Protein backbone atom coordinates (compact mmCIF):
# COMPACT_ATOMS: atom_id res chain seq x y z
CA MET A 1 38.56 -14.76 18.99
CA LYS A 2 36.55 -17.28 21.01
CA CYS A 3 37.48 -20.97 20.80
CA GLN A 4 34.69 -22.97 19.21
CA LYS A 5 35.34 -25.95 21.46
CA CYS A 6 35.84 -24.56 24.98
CA ARG A 7 34.76 -20.91 24.51
CA ASN A 8 38.08 -19.60 25.82
CA LEU A 9 38.90 -16.07 24.61
CA ASP A 10 42.67 -16.62 24.49
CA THR A 11 43.60 -17.89 21.03
CA LYS A 12 46.70 -17.32 18.96
CA VAL A 13 47.14 -16.99 15.22
CA ILE A 14 49.25 -19.79 13.75
CA ASP A 15 49.04 -18.83 10.08
CA SER A 16 47.57 -15.94 8.03
CA ARG A 17 46.99 -15.91 4.30
CA ILE A 18 45.24 -13.59 1.90
CA THR A 19 42.51 -15.38 -0.04
CA GLU A 20 42.71 -15.76 -3.81
CA ASP A 21 40.27 -12.90 -4.42
CA TRP A 22 42.31 -10.55 -2.18
CA LYS A 23 39.14 -9.57 -0.33
CA SER A 24 39.67 -11.45 2.93
CA ILE A 25 42.29 -12.98 5.20
CA ARG A 26 42.21 -16.62 6.26
CA ARG A 27 43.66 -17.25 9.70
CA ARG A 28 44.44 -20.57 11.38
CA ARG A 29 44.06 -20.20 15.13
CA GLU A 30 44.85 -22.32 18.16
CA CYS A 31 43.21 -22.15 21.57
CA GLU A 32 45.76 -21.56 24.31
CA LYS A 33 43.64 -23.47 26.83
CA CYS A 34 42.50 -26.67 25.06
CA GLY A 35 44.75 -26.66 21.96
CA ALA A 36 41.83 -26.88 19.49
CA ARG A 37 42.54 -25.44 16.04
CA PHE A 38 40.08 -23.62 13.80
CA THR A 39 39.97 -21.27 10.83
CA THR A 40 38.55 -17.75 10.72
CA PHE A 41 38.06 -15.35 7.85
CA GLU A 42 38.40 -11.61 8.15
CA ARG A 43 37.13 -9.35 5.41
CA MET A 44 36.75 -5.66 4.86
CA GLU A 45 33.23 -4.40 5.32
CA PHE A 46 32.45 -2.68 2.06
CA VAL A 47 28.83 -3.46 1.37
CA ASN A 48 26.39 -0.77 2.37
CA PHE A 49 23.01 -0.70 0.67
CA LEU A 50 19.32 -0.98 1.42
CA VAL A 51 17.14 -3.99 0.76
CA THR A 52 13.55 -3.35 -0.27
CA LYS A 53 11.29 -6.13 0.92
CA ASN A 54 8.04 -7.35 -0.67
CA ASN A 55 5.95 -5.07 1.57
CA TRP A 56 8.11 -2.09 0.47
CA GLU A 57 9.81 -1.83 3.86
CA LYS A 58 13.50 -1.03 3.66
CA GLU A 59 16.30 -2.36 5.83
CA MET A 60 20.08 -2.34 5.72
CA TYR A 61 21.63 -5.32 3.96
CA ASP A 62 22.76 -7.92 6.50
CA ARG A 63 25.36 -10.40 5.27
CA SER A 64 24.97 -12.68 8.28
CA LYS A 65 21.24 -13.06 7.61
CA LEU A 66 21.90 -14.15 4.04
CA GLN A 67 24.76 -16.39 5.11
CA ARG A 68 22.55 -18.17 7.69
CA SER A 69 19.91 -18.86 5.01
CA ILE A 70 22.47 -20.27 2.62
CA LEU A 71 24.13 -22.38 5.32
CA LYS A 72 20.76 -23.89 6.23
CA SER A 73 20.30 -25.00 2.64
CA PHE A 74 23.72 -26.72 2.80
CA SER A 75 22.95 -28.49 6.09
CA LYS A 76 24.66 -31.91 6.14
CA ARG A 77 26.02 -31.31 2.61
CA ASN A 78 29.70 -31.60 1.75
CA ILE A 79 30.68 -28.05 0.74
CA GLU A 80 33.70 -25.95 1.61
CA MET A 81 32.93 -22.75 3.50
CA ASP A 82 35.35 -20.96 1.16
CA ARG A 83 33.01 -21.59 -1.78
CA ILE A 84 30.03 -20.12 0.08
CA GLU A 85 32.08 -17.09 1.16
CA GLN A 86 33.27 -16.57 -2.42
CA MET A 87 29.71 -16.81 -3.75
CA ILE A 88 28.47 -14.20 -1.26
CA ASN A 89 31.46 -11.93 -1.97
CA ASP A 90 30.78 -12.10 -5.71
CA LEU A 91 27.08 -11.35 -5.26
CA GLU A 92 27.75 -8.47 -2.88
CA SER A 93 30.19 -6.90 -5.31
CA GLU A 94 27.62 -7.15 -8.07
CA TRP A 95 24.79 -5.72 -5.94
CA ALA A 96 26.86 -2.90 -4.45
CA SER A 97 28.23 -1.80 -7.81
CA ASN A 98 24.78 -1.47 -9.36
CA LYS A 99 22.84 0.63 -6.87
CA LYS A 100 22.34 1.91 -3.37
CA TRP A 101 19.37 -0.43 -2.92
CA ILE A 102 18.22 -3.82 -4.13
CA THR A 103 15.03 -5.84 -3.79
CA SER A 104 14.90 -8.94 -1.62
CA LYS A 105 13.42 -10.74 -4.62
CA ARG A 106 16.57 -9.99 -6.66
CA ILE A 107 18.78 -11.25 -3.83
CA TRP A 108 16.87 -14.54 -3.64
CA LYS A 109 16.90 -15.01 -7.41
CA ASP A 110 20.63 -14.32 -7.66
CA VAL A 111 21.42 -16.73 -4.81
CA LEU A 112 19.20 -19.39 -6.37
CA ASN A 113 20.98 -18.95 -9.69
CA LYS A 114 24.38 -19.51 -8.02
CA LEU A 115 23.19 -22.47 -5.95
CA LYS A 116 21.81 -24.20 -9.04
CA TYR A 117 25.37 -24.75 -10.23
CA MET A 118 26.88 -25.54 -6.82
CA ASP A 119 24.64 -28.21 -5.29
CA ASP A 120 21.25 -29.59 -6.40
CA VAL A 121 19.99 -30.34 -2.89
CA ALA A 122 20.94 -26.91 -1.52
CA TYR A 123 19.29 -25.35 -4.56
CA ILE A 124 16.01 -27.19 -3.93
CA ARG A 125 16.09 -26.41 -0.21
CA PHE A 126 16.65 -22.71 -0.85
CA ALA A 127 13.99 -22.67 -3.57
CA SER A 128 11.48 -24.30 -1.23
CA ILE A 129 11.69 -21.28 1.06
CA TYR A 130 11.72 -18.72 -1.74
CA HIS A 131 8.73 -20.28 -3.53
CA ASN A 132 6.99 -21.15 -0.24
CA PHE A 133 6.47 -24.85 -0.96
CA GLU A 134 3.58 -26.24 1.07
CA SER A 135 3.42 -29.86 -0.05
CA VAL A 136 5.43 -32.68 -1.56
CA GLY A 137 3.63 -31.93 -4.82
CA ASP A 138 5.23 -28.47 -4.88
CA PHE A 139 8.67 -30.09 -4.61
CA ILE A 140 7.87 -32.59 -7.35
CA LYS A 141 6.58 -29.91 -9.74
CA PHE A 142 9.63 -27.75 -9.15
CA ILE A 143 12.08 -30.63 -9.65
CA LYS A 144 10.34 -31.71 -12.87
CA ILE A 145 10.52 -28.18 -14.28
CA GLU A 146 14.12 -27.53 -13.21
CA PHE A 147 15.78 -30.88 -13.83
CA GLU A 148 14.03 -32.45 -16.81
């Protein structure tokens, strides 16, 4: 595992714990060069389904793509990474248990639904991309509908 501070490849595991949902392992690591400590999560890869996009193209589901989108919506917000991981794990379990494919529209709607109860700002940021807001008026209309 690469150190986030100095990019050294030699790190050691200080502590390992199974997460509450039993789906991943949390590891505390320490860089052997600079001594920096950081946390990593390891999880079993179990999600394997197709995503049908708006133009009917299909692609394999990519967790990292979804995770990047969600993390952007939480930029400079105070949220624990564990909560985001748990949200994605829950959604993936739901999607994988239903079918071998899912629409991108369903993914966005499900994420929006979860974000609504986690953080108002992240919810609005994510919605602005999903609904393709083009002006301040679009934000205002959305906020009035959702929060009044």
